[in-house]
Each structure stands twice: as structure tokens, then as C-alpha cells.
């Protein structure tokens, strides 16, 4: 059994973990990163690519309470639940319903708004640092409402976002057509977020952050962490190859896999797993000029480099790697609603999102001190929040002033 000593260990090689690692390396710290897979190949690779300062509303809301039975048990809904997981999900669902009550939903929205503010600026800084400026596009993002009754919902939705300080506007069909002339829409309209940005290849951007971290001395360990424990001289991280890492400080940024490590550290976090999907269509010329979200359908259509990515839906039901073909067909059908001539997708993908009932991530020290710090539970906006999360984690590790108030993201709030 080998023992390696290091200063800071990061559990998880997604965009959150890598952003934390690079930030601490820039601060002159020794960093080791652990991930059983190649860093940056999981959910950080397969997402919609949006840098979404407008994504301030929590998943749970009074409107969702009304729709929940049909959302969960209609197989053609954007939200699905694996029947085998219903009993195990009950505690999470009860907490989710409580957080969907009006006062709680409003509080959650305020907290999320404070966190996403300035995310585009932070990503522009990070991308220039790693040589990824060409991947950032600043053409805004769109929510589509292809029927008049859906547009009425969109108007109410955008009013809430404007009240939280967002720059947003409603577009009629003609205005939308000027932005997206290839969309097949004849009624309704859209919400437009002019300050929105996106990456046309999030996988390559995360790879640049990985390479920058390695160039600054980050050691990558391609093993599965099985257990963490506090000892007199730090934190022991046990790996599945029977080796051990002794680290002064540990950052848990393992996304959907983080819950057990928090529990081993003494904190019970109500995290469950959303299974998210994408399908991609290779094409020489993009069909869209910016990411367009079909809000009622629960998916984005994002123009990526050399392909259109259709990504989204929620399937509650754990970490099984088995792909639901029904979810794939749902995305294909949804895309053809806007682009009827699309053929079969070039590839499909499944990833895992860490979901917390109040839609607020956990970004805080553990209840027993800052030698273990949490950075997980970002749900649908992990890519957006990676730079600010790294900034907060640095301030916790170094006991300096946090860039924003983080009491709403504490591990002890549950």
C-alpha cells in the first residue's frame, strides 16, 4: 500500500473540479486531482454549452407543483422518473415539493441570481487565461414559445427574471425570424437574453483547463476514491487500487458522486441524480446562430462546432449507465418540431447531473472545518458557475473574504 502526500486534493475532474484546481495552482498551491475517468469527459462535456446568467429560477416552483403528477408520470413529459427508483426518491421529492412553495422558491431564486451574476465576465477571463477565447460566443440565448398559450407563460416567466435584475425581452415571430431564420415557427414568440453567451465546444474548453492545470504542475490520479477520513495530520483519501493520499485540504467536487463523500465527512446532503441526454447531428453549416431552449419541452438546441446538439430532459433515477431509448426518441422528435428535415442523429450521450431540492449548489466548508470543502450540486448550471465556484472555494480554503455572501449555499442549511 503506497502513501502519497499532497497539499490540496480535488475529488472530481469535471469543469468545477478543474476550475478549482487551476485557481489553486495559480495561487501557488500543490494540487492533486482524482477522477477515475479522463477529466472533462463527463457532464462537463455533454451539456448545452450555455453561460446562463439568466438561469436564475429554481427547478422547483409553485407552477411545477401543479404540473408534477403529469410531469413525472407522463412518459412524453420533459421530466421522467424511473419506476424502480420511486420509493428511494420519495425523501428527495418531499423536500423538492417543500422548496417549490412560493416563499422558498422566491428565496432560492434570489440566491441563485447572486451566484450567476457576472458569470459571462468570469468565463471570458478564464477562457483568455487558457487560450479558449475562440470557443466563447456572445450572441445571446433564446427561449422558444411556439404557441400563443406558451408565449403567455413566457411573458410571466420573463417578468420574474427582469425583477431579479436580468436584461431580457420578448420577441414576436418576425423578430425571432431575424435572429434565427432557419427555425420552423409560425406562431408564438420567444424570450431573448442578449447578455447570454455560450461555448461552441465545451468539451474542448474543459480540455484546455485540464492542460493548463497539468502545465502548472497538477498531478492527475486516474483512480476511484472509495473513502475519505480525517486523521491527525490531514485527510486520508483511499483509492480503489489500495493506495492512499494524505492531503492537508480536500475539495469534494465529484458532481453526482459527491453525496457519499460528504456523508463520510459528517454532512448529510439531500443530493440525487438527474440523468440527462443529448443527441447530435453533424453538419457543415449551423442551423442556429445561438442556443435556443424549448422551455415547455425541457431541452436546448445548441450550435456546436460542426454539429447541432439537442440536449436536456430530466430522468430521475440514479447512476445506471443504461440509456433510455425513449428519452433519446423524445429529443429527436422535439428537434424535428423545429427542423422537420433532420435525419437520424450522428451520436447519442447520457450524463449525470447532481440535483438538490432547492436548486442551490453546496459551496462551503464542511460542518467540521475548512480542511474539507464542498463544491457540488450545481444541477443544470455547473458550466455557468464553474469560475465563481472556484473563486469561492479558494476564499474558503485560504480563509479570506468570499466574493459574495455564501450563507445560502452552506452544507449545514438542510
Protein backbone atom coordinates (compact mmCIF):
# COMPACT_ATOMS: atom_id res chain seq x y z
CA UNK A 1 0.00 0.00 0.00
CA UNK A 2 1.53 3.30 -1.11
CA UNK A 3 1.03 6.65 0.61
CA UNK A 4 1.32 9.94 -1.28
CA UNK A 5 1.33 13.31 0.48
CA UNK A 6 -0.01 16.50 -1.09
CA UNK A 7 -1.26 19.93 -0.08
CA UNK A 8 -4.69 20.12 -1.78
CA UNK A 9 -6.63 17.25 -3.32
CA UNK A 10 -9.62 17.78 -5.59
CA UNK A 11 -12.10 14.92 -5.96
CA UNK A 12 -13.66 15.20 -9.41
CA UNK A 13 -12.32 16.22 -12.82
CA UNK A 14 -15.33 18.00 -14.25
CA UNK A 15 -15.40 21.70 -15.04
CA UNK A 16 -15.91 22.58 -11.35
CA UNK A 17 -13.02 20.47 -10.07
CA UNK A 18 -10.68 21.57 -12.85
CA UNK A 19 -11.51 25.25 -12.34
CA UNK A 20 -10.79 24.87 -8.62
CA UNK A 21 -7.53 23.05 -9.35
CA UNK A 22 -6.31 25.72 -11.79
CA UNK A 23 -7.22 28.54 -9.43
CA UNK A 24 -5.31 26.98 -6.53
CA UNK A 25 -2.32 26.24 -8.79
CA UNK A 26 -2.34 29.90 -9.81
CA UNK A 27 -2.20 30.73 -6.09
CA UNK A 28 0.98 28.69 -5.80
CA UNK A 29 -0.51 25.65 -4.10
CA UNK A 30 0.35 22.00 -4.74
CA UNK A 31 -2.71 20.25 -6.23
CA UNK A 32 -3.61 16.62 -6.93
CA UNK A 33 -6.81 15.81 -8.82
CA UNK A 34 -8.54 12.42 -8.65
CA UNK A 35 -11.01 11.10 -11.22
CA UNK A 36 -11.48 7.53 -12.48
CA UNK A 37 -12.29 8.83 -15.98
CA UNK A 38 -10.39 11.24 -18.17
CA UNK A 39 -11.08 14.70 -16.69
CA UNK A 40 -13.64 16.75 -18.59
CA UNK A 41 -15.32 13.83 -20.38
CA UNK A 42 -18.49 13.59 -18.27
CA UNK A 43 -21.34 16.05 -17.83
CA UNK A 44 -18.92 18.94 -18.40
CA UNK A 45 -18.51 17.64 -21.96
CA UNK A 46 -22.11 16.81 -22.85
CA UNK A 47 -24.07 19.89 -21.75
CA UNK A 48 -25.80 22.67 -23.73
CA UNK A 49 -22.71 24.90 -23.58
CA UNK A 50 -24.65 27.87 -22.21
CA UNK A 51 -23.18 30.51 -19.92
CA UNK A 52 -26.55 31.35 -18.48
CA UNK A 53 -26.68 34.44 -16.28
CA UNK A 54 -30.42 34.35 -16.95
CA UNK A 55 -30.84 30.90 -15.32
CA UNK A 56 -31.93 32.35 -12.00
CA UNK A 57 -35.17 30.45 -11.42
CA UNK A 58 -35.01 27.20 -9.42
CA UNK A 59 -36.39 23.98 -10.88
CA UNK A 60 -38.97 23.84 -8.09
CA UNK A 61 -41.75 26.45 -8.23
CA UNK A 62 -45.49 26.70 -7.48
CA UNK A 63 -46.17 26.09 -11.19
CA UNK A 64 -44.17 22.87 -11.07
CA UNK A 65 -46.19 21.65 -8.06
CA UNK A 66 -49.36 21.92 -10.15
CA UNK A 67 -47.78 20.07 -13.06
CA UNK A 68 -45.78 17.49 -11.09
CA UNK A 69 -48.10 14.45 -11.44
CA UNK A 70 -48.31 14.84 -15.21
CA UNK A 71 -44.61 15.72 -15.47
CA UNK A 72 -43.44 12.66 -13.56
CA UNK A 73 -45.83 10.03 -14.82
CA UNK A 74 -46.44 11.02 -18.45
CA UNK A 75 -43.76 9.22 -20.45
CA UNK A 76 -43.79 12.03 -23.02
CA UNK A 77 -43.00 14.65 -20.38
CA UNK A 78 -39.65 16.51 -20.23
CA UNK A 79 -39.29 15.09 -16.70
CA UNK A 80 -39.39 11.34 -16.17
CA UNK A 81 -38.92 9.08 -13.18
CA UNK A 82 -37.65 5.51 -13.31
CA UNK A 83 -40.35 3.40 -11.69
CA UNK A 84 -37.76 1.29 -9.90
CA UNK A 85 -36.48 4.45 -8.16
CA UNK A 86 -39.80 5.90 -6.93
CA UNK A 87 -39.51 4.65 -3.33
CA UNK A 88 -35.88 5.67 -2.93
CA UNK A 89 -36.66 9.12 -4.38
CA UNK A 90 -39.56 9.86 -2.02
CA UNK A 91 -37.49 11.73 0.62
CA UNK A 92 -35.91 13.89 -2.10
CA UNK A 93 -39.26 14.57 -3.77
CA UNK A 94 -40.84 15.64 -0.47
CA UNK A 95 -38.01 18.15 0.07
CA UNK A 96 -38.36 19.28 -3.56
CA UNK A 97 -42.09 19.97 -3.08
CA UNK A 98 -41.38 21.96 0.08
CA UNK A 99 -38.77 24.04 -1.75
CA UNK A 100 -41.30 24.65 -4.54
CA UNK A 101 -43.61 26.59 -2.21
CA UNK A 102 -43.86 30.31 -3.10
CA UNK A 103 -41.66 31.79 -0.35
CA UNK A 104 -38.99 29.10 -0.67
CA UNK A 105 -38.92 29.33 -4.47
CA UNK A 106 -38.51 33.13 -4.26
CA UNK A 107 -35.65 32.79 -1.76
CA UNK A 108 -33.95 30.17 -3.92
CA UNK A 109 -34.21 32.42 -6.97
CA UNK A 110 -32.59 35.33 -5.11
CA UNK A 111 -29.73 33.09 -4.00
CA UNK A 112 -29.14 31.69 -7.48
CA UNK A 113 -29.27 35.19 -9.00
CA UNK A 114 -26.48 36.34 -6.68
CA UNK A 115 -24.34 33.40 -7.81
CA UNK A 116 -24.79 33.60 -11.60
CA UNK A 117 -24.26 37.36 -11.81
CA UNK A 118 -21.05 38.13 -13.70
CA UNK A 119 -20.57 34.55 -14.92
CA UNK A 120 -20.01 35.64 -18.53
CA UNK A 121 -17.27 38.07 -17.49
CA UNK A 122 -15.62 35.38 -15.36
CA UNK A 123 -15.72 32.90 -18.23
CA UNK A 124 -14.20 35.45 -20.59
CA UNK A 125 -11.33 35.89 -18.11
CA UNK A 126 -10.85 32.13 -17.64
CA UNK A 127 -11.03 31.38 -21.37
CA UNK A 128 -8.38 34.01 -22.16
CA UNK A 129 -6.16 32.52 -19.46
CA UNK A 130 -6.24 29.04 -21.09
CA UNK A 131 -6.35 30.15 -24.74
CA UNK A 132 -10.03 29.34 -25.29
CA UNK A 133 -11.35 32.75 -26.35
CA UNK A 134 -12.47 31.43 -29.75
CA UNK A 135 -14.89 28.98 -28.10
CA UNK A 136 -16.89 31.74 -26.35
CA UNK A 137 -19.76 33.20 -28.40
CA UNK A 138 -21.67 36.26 -27.18
CA UNK A 139 -24.75 36.30 -29.42
CA UNK A 140 -27.28 35.86 -26.62
CA UNK A 141 -29.59 32.95 -25.88
CA UNK A 142 -33.26 32.31 -26.67
CA UNK A 143 -36.25 30.56 -25.05
CA UNK A 144 -38.80 29.41 -27.63
CA UNK A 145 -42.57 29.53 -27.15
CA UNK A 146 -44.07 28.07 -30.37
CA UNK A 147 -47.73 28.55 -29.35
CA UNK A 148 -49.64 31.59 -28.13
CA UNK A 149 -50.53 29.99 -24.78
CA UNK A 150 -46.87 29.10 -24.24
CA UNK A 151 -45.84 32.66 -25.06
CA UNK A 152 -48.20 33.90 -22.32
CA UNK A 153 -46.31 31.66 -19.88
CA UNK A 154 -43.04 33.02 -21.27
CA UNK A 155 -44.13 36.60 -20.63
CA UNK A 156 -44.85 35.76 -16.98
CA UNK A 157 -41.53 33.91 -16.73
CA UNK A 158 -39.53 36.79 -18.15
CA UNK A 159 -41.18 39.26 -15.75
CA UNK A 160 -39.78 37.26 -12.83
CA UNK A 161 -36.31 37.30 -14.35
CA UNK A 162 -36.45 41.06 -15.02
CA UNK A 163 -37.43 41.61 -11.38
CA UNK A 164 -34.21 39.79 -10.45
CA UNK A 165 -32.21 42.30 -12.48
CA UNK A 166 -31.84 40.48 -15.79
CA UNK A 167 -31.66 42.03 -19.24
CA UNK A 168 -34.36 40.25 -21.25
CA UNK A 169 -37.01 40.95 -23.88
CA UNK A 170 -39.93 39.28 -25.62
CA UNK A 171 -39.70 38.71 -29.39
CA UNK A 172 -42.60 38.21 -31.77
CA UNK A 173 -42.30 35.75 -34.66
CA UNK A 174 -40.89 38.32 -37.10
CA UNK A 175 -38.26 39.48 -34.62
CA UNK A 176 -37.32 35.90 -33.85
CA UNK A 177 -37.00 35.09 -37.56
CA UNK A 178 -34.43 37.86 -37.95
CA UNK A 179 -32.29 36.16 -35.30
CA UNK A 180 -32.98 32.57 -36.34
CA UNK A 181 -34.21 32.45 -39.96
CA UNK A 182 -34.00 28.64 -40.25
CA UNK A 183 -36.38 27.91 -37.36
CA UNK A 184 -39.71 26.44 -38.47
CA UNK A 185 -42.13 28.55 -36.38
CA UNK A 186 -45.43 30.08 -37.45
CA UNK A 187 -46.91 31.30 -34.14
CA UNK A 188 -45.93 32.25 -30.61
CA UNK A 189 -42.62 34.01 -29.99
CA UNK A 190 -39.56 33.89 -27.79
CA UNK A 191 -37.63 35.34 -24.87
CA UNK A 192 -34.24 36.79 -25.79
CA UNK A 193 -31.37 37.21 -23.33
CA UNK A 194 -28.88 39.48 -25.12
CA UNK A 195 -26.24 39.13 -22.39
CA UNK A 196 -26.27 35.34 -22.66
CA UNK A 197 -23.22 33.55 -24.02
CA UNK A 198 -22.25 30.00 -24.88
CA UNK A 199 -19.38 27.71 -25.84
CA UNK A 200 -19.47 26.01 -29.21
CA UNK A 201 -17.37 23.15 -27.82
CA UNK A 202 -17.49 22.84 -24.03
CA UNK A 203 -15.51 19.59 -24.14
CA UNK A 204 -12.56 21.33 -25.78
CA UNK A 205 -12.77 24.26 -23.36
CA UNK A 206 -12.60 21.92 -20.37
CA UNK A 207 -9.67 20.14 -22.02
CA UNK A 208 -7.83 23.47 -22.20
CA UNK A 209 -8.38 23.99 -18.46
CA UNK A 210 -7.05 20.48 -17.85
CA UNK A 211 -3.94 21.11 -19.96
CA UNK A 212 -3.31 24.45 -18.24
CA UNK A 213 -3.56 22.71 -14.85
CA UNK A 214 -1.14 19.95 -15.87
CA UNK A 215 1.29 22.54 -17.24
CA UNK A 216 1.23 24.26 -13.83
CA UNK A 217 2.06 21.01 -12.06
CA UNK A 218 -1.29 19.43 -11.23
CA UNK A 219 -0.93 15.69 -10.67
CA UNK A 220 -3.78 13.63 -12.11
CA UNK A 221 -4.62 10.30 -10.49
CA UNK A 222 -6.89 8.09 -12.61
CA UNK A 223 -8.42 6.05 -9.79
CA UNK A 224 -11.73 5.84 -7.97
CA UNK A 225 -11.77 7.35 -4.50
CA UNK A 226 -13.59 4.94 -2.19
CA UNK A 227 -13.39 6.64 1.20
CA UNK A 228 -12.24 9.82 2.92
CA UNK A 229 -11.41 10.17 6.60
CA UNK A 230 -9.99 12.82 8.88
CA UNK A 231 -6.76 11.90 10.65
CA UNK A 232 -4.49 13.87 12.95
CA UNK A 233 -2.31 15.29 10.18
CA UNK A 234 -4.93 15.87 7.48
CA UNK A 235 -7.39 13.94 5.32
CA UNK A 236 -6.80 10.42 4.06
CA UNK A 237 -8.25 9.56 0.66
CA UNK A 238 -8.43 5.83 -0.01
CA UNK A 239 -8.33 4.70 -3.63
CA UNK A 240 -9.61 1.51 -5.23
CA UNK A 241 -6.06 0.36 -6.05
CA UNK A 242 -5.42 0.21 -2.26
CA UNK A 243 -3.16 3.27 -2.30
CA UNK A 244 -3.77 6.28 -0.05
CA UNK A 245 -3.35 10.03 -0.38
CA UNK A 246 -2.71 12.17 2.67
CA UNK A 247 -3.77 15.74 1.96
CA UNK A 248 -3.89 18.87 4.07
CA UNK A 249 -7.14 20.05 2.46
CA UNK A 250 -9.71 18.26 0.32
CA UNK A 251 -12.22 19.69 -2.16
CA UNK A 252 -15.20 17.46 -2.95
CA UNK A 253 -16.25 18.38 -6.50
CA UNK A 254 -17.40 14.98 -7.70
CA UNK A 255 -20.77 16.11 -9.05
CA UNK A 256 -23.40 13.38 -8.87
CA UNK A 257 -20.94 11.16 -6.95
CA UNK A 258 -20.35 13.66 -4.13
CA UNK A 259 -23.04 12.62 -1.66
CA UNK A 260 -21.19 9.68 -0.10
CA UNK A 261 -18.02 11.71 0.48
CA UNK A 262 -19.97 14.46 2.25
CA UNK A 263 -21.60 11.78 4.40
CA UNK A 264 -18.19 10.31 5.27
CA UNK A 265 -17.14 13.84 6.30
CA UNK A 266 -20.15 14.13 8.59
CA UNK A 267 -22.66 16.03 6.43
CA UNK A 268 -25.92 14.63 5.12
CA UNK A 269 -26.77 16.35 1.82
CA UNK A 270 -30.07 15.60 0.01
CA UNK A 271 -28.45 15.10 -3.38
CA UNK A 272 -29.97 12.86 -6.01
CA UNK A 273 -29.15 12.20 -9.63
CA UNK A 274 -30.71 13.51 -12.84
CA UNK A 275 -29.91 11.50 -15.93
CA UNK A 276 -29.54 13.95 -18.83
CA UNK A 277 -29.27 13.13 -22.54
CA UNK A 278 -28.11 14.60 -25.80
CA UNK A 279 -28.27 13.73 -29.47
CA UNK A 280 -26.03 15.34 -32.08
CA UNK A 281 -26.39 15.94 -35.80
CA UNK A 282 -23.20 16.51 -37.79
CA UNK A 283 -23.48 19.38 -40.27
CA UNK A 284 -21.20 21.76 -42.13
CA UNK A 285 -23.32 24.88 -41.57
CA UNK A 286 -25.17 25.54 -38.29
CA UNK A 287 -28.97 25.62 -38.29
CA UNK A 288 -28.94 28.09 -35.39
CA UNK A 289 -26.94 31.19 -34.51
CA UNK A 290 -27.23 30.73 -30.74
CA UNK A 291 -28.62 28.19 -28.23
CA UNK A 292 -32.41 28.01 -28.31
CA UNK A 293 -34.30 26.39 -25.46
CA UNK A 294 -37.74 24.90 -25.97
CA UNK A 295 -38.83 25.62 -22.41
CA UNK A 296 -42.00 23.51 -22.42
CA UNK A 297 -40.07 20.58 -23.85
CA UNK A 298 -37.18 20.85 -21.43
CA UNK A 299 -34.37 20.83 -23.97
CA UNK A 300 -31.86 23.09 -25.72
CA UNK A 301 -30.77 23.08 -29.34
CA UNK A 302 -27.19 24.37 -29.34
CA UNK A 303 -24.99 25.09 -32.36
CA UNK A 304 -21.70 23.35 -31.71
CA UNK A 305 -18.60 23.29 -33.88
CA UNK A 306 -19.60 21.11 -36.87
CA UNK A 307 -22.80 19.83 -35.30
CA UNK A 308 -26.16 20.63 -33.73
CA UNK A 309 -26.54 19.35 -30.17
CA UNK A 310 -30.03 18.72 -28.80
CA UNK A 311 -29.65 18.32 -25.07
CA UNK A 312 -31.81 18.09 -21.98
CA UNK A 313 -34.77 16.37 -20.36
CA UNK A 314 -34.63 15.09 -16.79
CA UNK A 315 -34.83 11.45 -15.79
CA UNK A 316 -34.74 10.93 -12.04
CA UNK A 317 -33.35 7.52 -11.30
CA UNK A 318 -29.74 7.10 -10.21
CA UNK A 319 -26.39 6.36 -11.78
CA UNK A 320 -27.25 3.43 -14.05
CA UNK A 321 -25.33 3.72 -17.36
CA UNK A 322 -28.22 2.20 -19.33
CA UNK A 323 -29.56 4.69 -21.88
CA UNK A 324 -33.33 5.12 -22.15
CA UNK A 325 -34.14 4.93 -25.84
CA UNK A 326 -37.45 6.63 -25.14
CA UNK A 327 -35.59 9.71 -23.86
CA UNK A 328 -33.44 9.72 -26.99
CA UNK A 329 -36.53 9.49 -29.23
CA UNK A 330 -38.10 12.32 -27.22
CA UNK A 331 -35.17 14.60 -28.10
CA UNK A 332 -35.23 13.55 -31.76
CA UNK A 333 -38.95 14.26 -32.02
CA UNK A 334 -38.51 17.60 -30.26
CA UNK A 335 -35.76 18.70 -32.65
CA UNK A 336 -37.85 17.77 -35.70
CA UNK A 337 -40.63 20.01 -34.41
CA UNK A 338 -38.34 22.92 -35.34
CA UNK A 339 -36.26 21.30 -38.09
CA UNK A 340 -38.51 18.75 -39.86
CA UNK A 341 -35.82 17.64 -42.35
CA UNK A 342 -33.36 16.37 -39.72
CA UNK A 343 -32.32 12.76 -40.29
CA UNK A 344 -31.14 10.28 -37.65
CA UNK A 345 -28.66 11.65 -35.09
CA UNK A 346 -24.94 11.09 -35.58
CA UNK A 347 -24.44 10.10 -31.92
CA UNK A 348 -26.19 9.96 -28.54
CA UNK A 349 -24.99 10.51 -24.98
CA UNK A 350 -26.03 10.10 -21.32
CA UNK A 351 -24.63 12.03 -18.37
CA UNK A 352 -25.42 12.59 -14.69
CA UNK A 353 -26.36 15.88 -13.01
CA UNK A 354 -26.19 16.37 -9.23
CA UNK A 355 -29.61 17.67 -8.18
CA UNK A 356 -30.51 19.28 -4.85
CA UNK A 357 -34.17 20.02 -3.94
CA UNK A 358 -33.67 23.81 -3.60
CA UNK A 359 -31.60 24.10 -6.84
CA UNK A 360 -28.82 25.74 -4.83
CA UNK A 361 -25.36 24.14 -5.00
CA UNK A 362 -23.35 23.32 -1.92
CA UNK A 363 -20.30 25.61 -1.90
CA UNK A 364 -19.00 25.74 1.64
CA UNK A 365 -16.65 24.24 4.14
CA UNK A 366 -17.80 21.06 5.83
CA UNK A 367 -19.53 21.32 9.19
CA UNK A 368 -16.29 20.26 10.86
CA UNK A 369 -13.94 22.78 9.25
CA UNK A 370 -12.31 24.06 6.08
CA UNK A 371 -9.95 21.12 5.68
CA UNK A 372 -12.82 19.62 3.66
CA UNK A 373 -14.63 21.96 1.26
CA UNK A 374 -17.68 21.16 -0.87
CA UNK A 375 -18.29 22.34 -4.45
CA UNK A 376 -21.09 20.27 -5.94
CA UNK A 377 -24.83 20.14 -6.62
CA UNK A 378 -24.90 22.74 -9.42
CA UNK A 379 -27.67 20.96 -11.33
CA UNK A 380 -28.20 22.46 -14.78
CA UNK A 381 -25.78 25.39 -14.38
CA UNK A 382 -22.47 23.78 -13.43
CA UNK A 383 -20.71 25.09 -16.54
CA UNK A 384 -22.02 28.60 -15.90
CA UNK A 385 -20.94 28.59 -12.27
CA UNK A 386 -17.50 26.97 -12.52
CA UNK A 387 -15.38 30.17 -12.31
CA UNK A 388 -17.30 31.76 -9.40
CA UNK A 389 -17.34 28.42 -7.57
CA UNK A 390 -13.56 28.18 -7.89
CA UNK A 391 -13.21 31.74 -6.59
CA UNK A 392 -15.39 30.95 -3.56
CA UNK A 393 -13.56 27.69 -2.85
CA UNK A 394 -10.21 29.49 -2.87
CA UNK A 395 -11.51 32.00 -0.33
CA UNK A 396 -12.76 29.18 1.93
CA UNK A 397 -9.51 27.23 1.70
CA UNK A 398 -7.44 30.34 2.46
CA UNK A 399 -9.87 31.84 5.00
CA UNK A 400 -10.14 35.11 3.08
CA UNK A 401 -13.22 37.19 2.25
CA UNK A 402 -15.61 35.43 -0.15
CA UNK A 403 -16.53 37.34 -3.35
CA UNK A 404 -20.24 37.12 -2.48
CA UNK A 405 -22.24 36.06 0.56
CA UNK A 406 -22.33 32.25 0.60
CA UNK A 407 -24.57 31.52 3.59
CA UNK A 408 -27.33 30.29 1.24
CA UNK A 409 -25.01 27.61 -0.14
CA UNK A 410 -23.89 26.16 3.19
CA UNK A 411 -23.77 22.41 3.76
CA UNK A 412 -25.48 22.97 7.11
CA UNK A 413 -28.67 24.51 5.64
CA UNK A 414 -30.53 21.21 5.31
